[in-house]
Each structure stands twice: as C-alpha cells, then as structure tokens.
C-alpha cells in the first residue's frame, strides 16, 4: 500500500492552515496597532505607562 498521496495531502492541508493562521495574526496585529495609534492620537493613555510623580 502506498500512502504517499494521503501524506502529501495532509501536509498540504496543514501548511495551508498554518499559513492562514499566520496571515490572520499579521493582519490582526496591524489592525490593533492602527487602533492603538488612533487612541493615542485622541489622547487616551495606557495604564501601564509611566506615571509622573
């Protein structure tokens, strides 16, 4: 029995899935950075930012 086609298909599906997740993460990161920049432009500050004494 030769399972080469099944193994190749499994690798292809996995690669597509991982590539899709990576693309989703990159796009989401860029969107969050844009939102953060818009909030900082509006004057909203981070709670974790340094506080003046």
PDB file of N, CA and C in Angstrom:
ATOM      1  N   UNK A   1       0.844  -1.184   0.000  1.00  0.00           N
ATOM      2  CA  UNK A   1       0.000   0.000   0.000  1.00  0.00           C
ATOM      3  C   UNK A   1       0.887   1.244   0.000  1.00  0.00           C
ATOM      4  N   UNK A   2       0.475   2.165  -0.801  1.00  0.00           N
ATOM      5  CA  UNK A   2       1.221   3.405  -0.910  1.00  0.00           C
ATOM      6  C   UNK A   2       0.340   4.548  -0.405  1.00  0.00           C
ATOM      7  N   UNK A   3       0.807   5.206   0.617  1.00  0.00           N
ATOM      8  CA  UNK A   3       0.034   6.288   1.254  1.00  0.00           C
ATOM      9  C   UNK A   3       0.626   7.655   0.940  1.00  0.00           C
ATOM     10  N   UNK A   4       1.434   7.724  -0.100  1.00  0.00           N
ATOM     11  CA  UNK A   4       2.115   8.976  -0.431  1.00  0.00           C
ATOM     12  C   UNK A   4       1.134  10.108  -0.694  1.00  0.00           C
ATOM     13  N   UNK A   5       0.072   9.828  -1.436  1.00  0.00           N
ATOM     14  CA  UNK A   5      -0.904  10.871  -1.749  1.00  0.00           C
ATOM     15  C   UNK A   5      -1.596  11.379  -0.477  1.00  0.00           C
ATOM     16  N   UNK A   6      -1.958  10.462   0.403  1.00  0.00           N
ATOM     17  CA  UNK A   6      -2.600  10.866   1.659  1.00  0.00           C
ATOM     18  C   UNK A   6      -1.667  11.720   2.511  1.00  0.00           C
ATOM     19  N   UNK A   7      -0.417  11.303   2.622  1.00  0.00           N
ATOM     20  CA  UNK A   7       0.551  12.047   3.437  1.00  0.00           C
ATOM     21  C   UNK A   7       0.802  13.425   2.823  1.00  0.00           C
ATOM     22  N   UNK A   8       0.941  13.496   1.511  1.00  0.00           N
ATOM     23  CA  UNK A   8       1.161  14.778   0.852  1.00  0.00           C
ATOM     24  C   UNK A   8      -0.042  15.696   1.041  1.00  0.00           C
ATOM     25  N   UNK A   9      -1.246  15.142   0.936  1.00  0.00           N
ATOM     26  CA  UNK A   9      -2.456  15.946   1.139  1.00  0.00           C
ATOM     27  C   UNK A   9      -2.539  16.448   2.586  1.00  0.00           C
ATOM     28  N   UNK A  10      -2.162  15.608   3.533  1.00  0.00           N
ATOM     29  CA  UNK A  10      -2.194  16.012   4.937  1.00  0.00           C
ATOM     30  C   UNK A  10      -1.208  17.160   5.192  1.00  0.00           C
ATOM     31  N   UNK A  11      -0.013  17.044   4.617  1.00  0.00           N
ATOM     32  CA  UNK A  11       0.962  18.122   4.760  1.00  0.00           C
ATOM     33  C   UNK A  11       0.462  19.406   4.094  1.00  0.00           C
ATOM     34  N   UNK A  12      -0.149  19.276   2.931  1.00  0.00           N
ATOM     35  CA  UNK A  12      -0.657  20.452   2.215  1.00  0.00           C
ATOM     36  C   UNK A  12      -1.758  21.145   3.007  1.00  0.00           C
ATOM     37  N   UNK A  13      -2.681  20.380   3.550  1.00  0.00           N
ATOM     38  CA  UNK A  13      -3.767  20.963   4.345  1.00  0.00           C
ATOM     39  C   UNK A  13      -3.204  21.636   5.599  1.00  0.00           C
ATOM     40  N   UNK A  14      -2.242  20.990   6.227  1.00  0.00           N
ATOM     41  CA  UNK A  14      -1.620  21.578   7.420  1.00  0.00           C
ATOM     42  C   UNK A  14      -0.885  22.867   7.079  1.00  0.00           C
ATOM     43  N   UNK A  15      -0.156  22.857   5.969  1.00  0.00           N
ATOM     44  CA  UNK A  15       0.581  24.054   5.557  1.00  0.00           C
ATOM     45  C   UNK A  15      -0.380  25.198   5.240  1.00  0.00           C
ATOM     46  N   UNK A  16      -1.471  24.893   4.553  1.00  0.00           N
ATOM     47  CA  UNK A  16      -2.464  25.931   4.261  1.00  0.00           C
ATOM     48  C   UNK A  16      -3.099  26.467   5.541  1.00  0.00           C
ATOM     49  N   UNK A  17      -3.392  25.576   6.463  1.00  0.00           N
ATOM     50  CA  UNK A  17      -3.976  26.008   7.734  1.00  0.00           C
ATOM     51  C   UNK A  17      -3.033  26.891   8.522  1.00  0.00           C
ATOM     52  N   UNK A  18      -1.769  26.489   8.620  1.00  0.00           N
ATOM     53  CA  UNK A  18      -0.789  27.292   9.356  1.00  0.00           C
ATOM     54  C   UNK A  18      -0.520  28.618   8.657  1.00  0.00           C
ATOM     55  N   UNK A  19      -0.477  28.592   7.331  1.00  0.00           N
ATOM     56  CA  UNK A  19      -0.294  29.836   6.586  1.00  0.00           C
ATOM     57  C   UNK A  19      -1.462  30.784   6.789  1.00  0.00           C
ATOM     58  N   UNK A  20      -2.675  30.241   6.801  1.00  0.00           N
ATOM     59  CA  UNK A  20      -3.856  31.061   7.052  1.00  0.00           C
ATOM     60  C   UNK A  20      -3.842  31.678   8.442  1.00  0.00           C
ATOM     61  N   UNK A  21      -3.444  30.892   9.423  1.00  0.00           N
ATOM     62  CA  UNK A  21      -3.350  31.422  10.794  1.00  0.00           C
ATOM     63  C   UNK A  21      -2.298  32.520  10.888  1.00  0.00           C
ATOM     64  N   UNK A  22      -1.160  32.307  10.252  1.00  0.00           N
ATOM     65  CA  UNK A  22      -0.108  33.317  10.277  1.00  0.00           C
ATOM     66  C   UNK A  22      -0.575  34.609   9.614  1.00  0.00           C
ATOM     67  N   UNK A  23      -1.257  34.489   8.486  1.00  0.00           N
ATOM     68  CA  UNK A  23      -1.789  35.665   7.800  1.00  0.00           C
ATOM     69  C   UNK A  23      -2.808  36.389   8.669  1.00  0.00           C
ATOM     70  N   UNK A  24      -3.682  35.637   9.305  1.00  0.00           N
ATOM     71  CA  UNK A  24      -4.688  36.219  10.188  1.00  0.00           C
ATOM     72  C   UNK A  24      -4.030  36.975  11.345  1.00  0.00           C
ATOM     73  N   UNK A  25      -2.993  36.389  11.933  1.00  0.00           N
ATOM     74  CA  UNK A  25      -2.298  37.018  13.059  1.00  0.00           C
ATOM     75  C   UNK A  25      -1.641  38.320  12.624  1.00  0.00           C
ATOM     76  N   UNK A  26      -0.984  38.312  11.472  1.00  0.00           N
ATOM     77  CA  UNK A  26      -0.309  39.521  10.978  1.00  0.00           C
ATOM     78  C   UNK A  26      -1.328  40.619  10.700  1.00  0.00           C
ATOM     79  N   UNK A  27      -2.436  40.257  10.039  1.00  0.00           N
ATOM     80  CA  UNK A  27      -3.464  41.263   9.730  1.00  0.00           C
ATOM     81  C   UNK A  27      -4.093  41.810  11.007  1.00  0.00           C
ATOM     82  N   UNK A  28      -4.334  40.947  11.981  1.00  0.00           N
ATOM     83  CA  UNK A  28      -4.925  41.392  13.241  1.00  0.00           C
ATOM     84  C   UNK A  28      -3.961  42.291  14.009  1.00  0.00           C
ATOM     85  N   UNK A  29      -2.678  41.940  13.987  1.00  0.00           N
ATOM     86  CA  UNK A  29      -1.685  42.769  14.671  1.00  0.00           C
ATOM     87  C   UNK A  29      -1.649  44.173  14.069  1.00  0.00           C
ATOM     88  N   UNK A  30      -1.680  44.259  12.753  1.00  0.00           N
ATOM     89  CA  UNK A  30      -1.673  45.560  12.096  1.00  0.00           C
ATOM     90  C   UNK A  30      -2.922  46.364  12.450  1.00  0.00           C
ATOM     91  N   UNK A  31      -4.061  45.690  12.519  1.00  0.00           N
ATOM     92  CA  UNK A  31      -5.304  46.382  12.882  1.00  0.00           C
ATOM     93  C   UNK A  31      -5.234  46.897  14.314  1.00  0.00           C
ATOM     94  N   UNK A  32      -4.704  46.090  15.237  1.00  0.00           N
ATOM     95  CA  UNK A  32      -4.598  46.536  16.632  1.00  0.00           C
ATOM     96  C   UNK A  32      -3.637  47.710  16.755  1.00  0.00           C
ATOM     97  N   UNK A  33      -2.547  47.689  15.987  1.00  0.00           N
ATOM     98  CA  UNK A  33      -1.598  48.812  16.024  1.00  0.00           C
ATOM     99  C   UNK A  33      -2.252  50.092  15.518  1.00  0.00           C
ATOM    100  N   UNK A  34      -3.082  49.969  14.457  1.00  0.00           N
ATOM    101  CA  UNK A  34      -3.797  51.155  13.957  1.00  0.00           C
ATOM    102  C   UNK A  34      -4.770  51.667  15.005  1.00  0.00           C
ATOM    103  N   UNK A  35      -5.484  50.763  15.671  1.00  0.00           N
ATOM    104  CA  UNK A  35      -6.425  51.190  16.715  1.00  0.00           C
ATOM    105  C   UNK A  35      -5.701  51.854  17.867  1.00  0.00           C
ATOM    106  N   UNK A  36      -4.568  51.292  18.262  1.00  0.00           N
ATOM    107  CA  UNK A  36      -3.798  51.870  19.355  1.00  0.00           C
ATOM    108  C   UNK A  36      -3.280  53.259  18.983  1.00  0.00           C
ATOM    109  N   UNK A  37      -2.810  53.404  17.766  1.00  0.00           N
ATOM    110  CA  UNK A  37      -2.327  54.705  17.309  1.00  0.00           C
ATOM    111  C   UNK A  37      -3.458  55.727  17.300  1.00  0.00           C
ATOM    112  N   UNK A  38      -4.653  55.311  16.886  1.00  0.00           N
ATOM    113  CA  UNK A  38      -5.797  56.229  16.874  1.00  0.00           C
ATOM    114  C   UNK A  38      -6.172  56.635  18.296  1.00  0.00           C
ATOM    115  N   UNK A  39      -6.139  55.704  19.222  1.00  0.00           N
ATOM    116  CA  UNK A  39      -6.456  56.030  20.612  1.00  0.00           C
ATOM    117  C   UNK A  39      -5.416  56.973  21.205  1.00  0.00           C
ATOM    118  N   UNK A  40      -4.140  56.712  20.935  1.00  0.00           N
ATOM    119  CA  UNK A  40      -3.094  57.588  21.454  1.00  0.00           C
ATOM    120  C   UNK A  40      -3.194  58.980  20.833  1.00  0.00           C
ATOM    121  N   UNK A  41      -3.576  59.039  19.557  1.00  0.00           N
ATOM    122  CA  UNK A  41      -3.775  60.336  18.882  1.00  0.00           C
ATOM    123  C   UNK A  41      -4.912  61.100  19.545  1.00  0.00           C
ATOM    124  N   UNK A  42      -5.928  60.378  20.031  1.00  0.00           N
ATOM    125  CA  UNK A  42      -7.074  61.018  20.676  1.00  0.00           C
ATOM    126  C   UNK A  42      -6.780  61.408  22.126  1.00  0.00           C
ATOM    127  N   UNK A  43      -5.611  61.028  22.633  1.00  0.00           N
ATOM    128  CA  UNK A  43      -5.243  61.419  23.985  1.00  0.00           C
ATOM    129  C   UNK A  43      -5.458  60.363  25.045  1.00  0.00           C
ATOM    130  N   UNK A  44      -5.893  59.196  24.652  1.00  0.00           N
ATOM    131  CA  UNK A  44      -6.081  58.109  25.605  1.00  0.00           C
ATOM    132  C   UNK A  44      -4.700  57.543  25.933  1.00  0.00           C
ATOM    133  N   UNK A  45      -4.420  57.409  27.217  1.00  0.00           N
ATOM    134  CA  UNK A  45      -3.108  56.905  27.629  1.00  0.00           C
ATOM    135  C   UNK A  45      -3.232  55.484  28.162  1.00  0.00           C
ATOM    136  N   UNK A  46      -2.116  54.816  28.226  1.00  0.00           N
ATOM    137  CA  UNK A  46      -2.081  53.451  28.735  1.00  0.00           C
ATOM    138  C   UNK A  46      -1.943  53.459  30.254  1.00  0.00           C
ATOM    139  N   UNK A  47      -2.620  52.522  30.884  1.00  0.00           N
ATOM    140  CA  UNK A  47      -2.485  52.416  32.336  1.00  0.00           C
ATOM    141  C   UNK A  47      -1.098  51.938  32.730  1.00  0.00           C
ATOM    142  N   UNK A  48      -0.446  51.178  31.824  1.00  0.00           N
ATOM    143  CA  UNK A  48       0.869  50.659  32.138  1.00  0.00           C
ATOM    144  C   UNK A  48       1.975  51.666  31.861  1.00  0.00           C
ATOM    145  N   UNK A  49       1.619  52.824  31.340  1.00  0.00           N
ATOM    146  CA  UNK A  49       2.593  53.860  31.046  1.00  0.00           C
ATOM    147  C   UNK A  49       3.200  54.430  32.323  1.00  0.00           C
ATOM    148  N   UNK A  50       4.336  55.103  32.188  1.00  0.00           N
ATOM    149  CA  UNK A  50       4.981  55.668  33.367  1.00  0.00           C
ATOM    150  C   UNK A  50       4.157  56.839  33.899  1.00  0.00           C
ATOM    151  N   UNK A  51       4.104  56.925  35.210  1.00  0.00           N
ATOM    152  CA  UNK A  51       3.332  57.995  35.865  1.00  0.00           C
ATOM    153  C   UNK A  51       4.309  59.034  36.402  1.00  0.00           C
ATOM    154  N   UNK A  52       3.965  60.288  36.224  1.00  0.00           N
ATOM    155  CA  UNK A  52       4.820  61.341  36.776  1.00  0.00           C
ATOM    156  C   UNK A  52       4.512  61.508  38.258  1.00  0.00           C
ATOM    157  N   UNK A  53       5.560  61.606  39.046  1.00  0.00           N
ATOM    158  CA  UNK A  53       5.416  61.675  40.496  1.00  0.00           C
ATOM    159  C   UNK A  53       5.149  63.066  40.980  1.00  0.00           C
TER     160      UNK A  53
END
